[in-house]
Protein backbone atom coordinates (compact mmCIF):
# COMPACT_ATOMS: atom_id res chain seq x y z
CA MET A 1 37.40 65.00 15.13
CA GLN A 2 39.43 62.29 16.83
CA ILE A 3 42.64 61.26 15.06
CA GLU A 4 41.47 57.72 14.29
CA PHE A 5 38.28 58.96 12.67
CA GLN A 6 40.14 61.69 10.79
CA LYS A 7 42.42 59.02 9.29
CA ALA A 8 39.36 56.98 8.32
CA MET A 9 37.87 60.07 6.60
CA GLU A 10 41.11 60.76 4.76
CA GLN A 11 41.18 57.13 3.59
CA LEU A 12 37.56 57.48 2.50
CA VAL A 13 38.48 60.45 0.31
CA LYS A 14 41.53 58.66 -1.06
CA ASP A 15 39.67 55.44 -1.91
CA GLN A 16 36.41 57.20 -2.88
CA THR A 17 34.55 54.33 -1.24
CA LEU A 18 32.97 53.75 2.15
CA ASN A 19 33.92 50.75 4.26
CA LEU A 20 30.88 50.32 6.52
CA LYS A 21 32.73 47.92 8.80
CA GLU A 22 35.48 50.51 9.28
CA VAL A 23 33.18 53.43 10.09
CA SER A 24 30.62 51.48 12.15
CA ARG A 25 32.85 51.64 15.21
CA PHE A 26 32.57 55.43 15.47
CA SER A 27 29.96 57.54 17.28
CA ALA A 28 27.12 59.60 15.84
CA VAL A 29 29.06 62.77 16.73
CA ASP A 30 32.03 61.43 14.76
CA PHE A 31 29.73 60.87 11.79
CA ARG A 32 28.40 64.43 12.03
CA LEU A 33 31.92 65.84 12.15
CA GLY A 34 32.99 63.60 9.28
CA ILE A 35 30.07 64.74 7.14
CA GLN A 36 30.89 68.37 7.89
CA TRP A 37 34.53 67.78 7.00
CA LEU A 38 33.67 66.02 3.73
CA VAL A 39 31.40 68.90 2.73
CA SER A 40 34.18 71.38 3.51
CA GLU A 41 36.51 69.26 1.35
CA ASP A 42 34.01 69.47 -1.55
CA GLN A 43 33.15 65.77 -1.35
CA PRO A 44 29.33 65.89 -1.40
CA ASP A 45 28.83 62.35 -2.69
CA LEU A 46 31.05 60.88 0.02
CA ALA A 47 29.31 63.09 2.59
CA GLN A 48 25.98 61.65 1.42
CA SER A 49 27.35 58.10 1.66
CA LEU A 50 28.53 58.77 5.19
CA ALA A 51 25.17 60.34 6.07
CA ASP A 52 23.37 57.27 4.73
CA ALA A 53 25.64 55.00 6.80
CA GLY A 54 25.09 57.19 9.85
CA LEU A 55 21.32 57.00 9.42
CA ALA A 56 21.53 53.21 9.11
CA LEU A 57 23.64 52.90 12.25
CA PHE A 58 22.07 55.70 14.33
CA PRO A 59 18.50 56.26 13.05
CA LEU A 60 17.47 58.11 16.23
CA SER A 61 20.51 60.37 16.55
CA GLU A 62 19.72 64.08 16.58
CA ASP A 63 23.24 64.78 15.27
CA ILE A 64 22.79 62.50 12.27
CA LEU A 65 19.22 63.58 11.50
CA ALA A 66 20.18 67.26 11.67
CA ILE A 67 23.28 67.06 9.48
CA ALA A 68 21.67 64.62 7.02
CA GLY A 69 18.66 66.94 6.74
CA LEU A 70 20.88 69.93 6.03
CA LEU A 71 22.90 67.89 3.54
CA ALA A 72 19.68 66.92 1.75
CA MET A 73 18.79 70.60 1.58
CA THR A 74 22.14 71.48 0.00
CA ARG A 75 21.47 68.78 -2.59
CA GLN A 76 17.95 70.17 -3.08
CA ASP A 77 16.44 66.80 -2.22
CA TRP A 78 13.39 68.38 -0.63
CA PRO A 79 11.39 65.20 0.10
CA LEU A 80 14.35 63.66 1.92
CA ALA A 81 15.10 66.89 3.79
CA ILE A 82 11.45 67.08 4.89
CA GLU A 83 11.44 63.46 6.04
CA LEU A 84 14.66 63.81 8.03
CA LEU A 85 13.72 67.15 9.60
CA GLN A 86 10.25 65.85 10.51
CA ASP A 87 11.95 62.86 12.16
CA LEU A 88 14.23 65.26 14.05
CA PHE A 89 11.21 67.39 15.04
CA SER A 90 9.42 64.28 16.38
CA LEU A 91 12.52 63.07 18.18
CA GLN A 92 13.17 66.42 19.87
CA LYS A 93 9.52 66.77 20.97
CA ASP A 94 9.35 69.44 23.69
CA SER A 95 13.00 70.42 23.20
CA VAL A 96 12.66 71.12 19.47
CA GLN A 97 14.87 74.02 18.41
CA PRO A 98 13.83 77.09 16.39
CA MET A 99 16.43 76.21 13.72
CA THR A 100 14.81 72.80 13.22
CA CYS A 101 11.46 74.49 12.59
CA GLN A 102 13.01 77.10 10.31
CA MET A 103 14.82 74.52 8.17
CA LEU A 104 11.74 72.27 8.03
CA ALA A 105 9.60 75.21 6.91
CA ARG A 106 12.18 76.18 4.30
CA ALA A 107 12.36 72.62 2.93
CA LEU A 108 8.56 72.46 2.79
CA ALA A 109 8.41 75.79 0.93
CA CYS A 110 11.06 74.66 -1.54
CA ASN A 111 8.97 71.54 -2.10
CA LEU A 112 6.00 73.87 -2.78
CA ASP A 113 4.19 72.81 0.39
CA ILE A 114 3.64 76.47 1.25
CA ALA A 115 0.61 76.05 3.52
CA GLU A 116 2.37 73.40 5.59
CA ALA A 117 5.51 75.55 5.76
CA HIS A 118 3.43 78.40 7.19
CA GLN A 119 1.86 76.01 9.71
CA VAL A 120 5.31 74.93 10.92
CA LEU A 121 6.39 78.56 11.30
CA ASP A 122 3.14 79.54 13.04
CA GLN A 123 3.58 76.67 15.49
CA ALA A 124 7.22 77.62 16.09
CA MET A 125 6.36 81.27 16.62
CA LYS A 126 3.94 80.27 19.38
CA LEU A 127 6.85 78.61 21.17
CA TRP A 128 9.32 81.44 20.42
CA PRO A 129 7.21 84.56 19.85
CA ASN A 130 10.16 86.95 19.67
CA ASN A 131 12.52 84.86 17.55
CA ARG A 132 13.80 87.19 14.83
CA GLU A 133 14.93 84.40 12.47
CA LEU A 134 11.49 82.79 12.53
CA GLU A 135 9.80 86.14 11.98
CA GLU A 136 12.07 86.92 9.03
CA GLU A 137 11.51 83.46 7.55
CA LYS A 138 7.75 83.94 7.81
CA GLN A 139 7.88 87.40 6.22
CA ALA A 140 10.09 86.20 3.35
CA MET A 141 7.93 83.18 2.58
CA PRO A 142 5.30 83.56 -0.15
CA LEU A 143 1.70 83.19 0.91
CA ASN A 144 0.97 80.52 -1.71
CA GLN A 145 2.68 78.57 -4.45
CA ASP A 146 1.23 80.76 -7.24
CA VAL A 147 4.27 83.02 -7.01
CA PHE A 148 6.36 80.08 -8.26
CA SER A 149 4.28 79.69 -11.42
CA ALA A 150 5.44 81.43 -14.60
CA PRO A 151 3.08 84.04 -16.04
CA ALA A 152 0.97 82.70 -18.91
CA GLN A 153 2.82 84.79 -21.50
CA PHE A 154 6.07 82.93 -20.66
CA ASN A 155 4.66 79.42 -21.05
């Protein structure tokens, strides 16, 4: 992270508020690094604020979409994670990465969209037939959402 941006991040933590004018002069990569740093400093709300600002300033940045999608997953905001990762998937088109597909499938499964999660993994496994992470994700994923329902005797 460049020194100027690091100082801006430290000021952000100190003030606990985001100055959009201050951060708008930095690049999408700076935003990604800043979000990562804020998460490592246990500042999830500030990281989310910076992600929101990054999405407003750089809506088509792979860096911002990827880190904001992962941040949404850590916050268990499955609809937002799905939206951001689908945007990243669409943006990457033919250069989509296996990790993007894996995280999208995981977010879909956590949102109980099991069939769609399997479709994403099936599509990804056609592109990368020997990808161990995708295979393991597919094997670990339930076949339907019934496994998430409590047995009748516990209701």
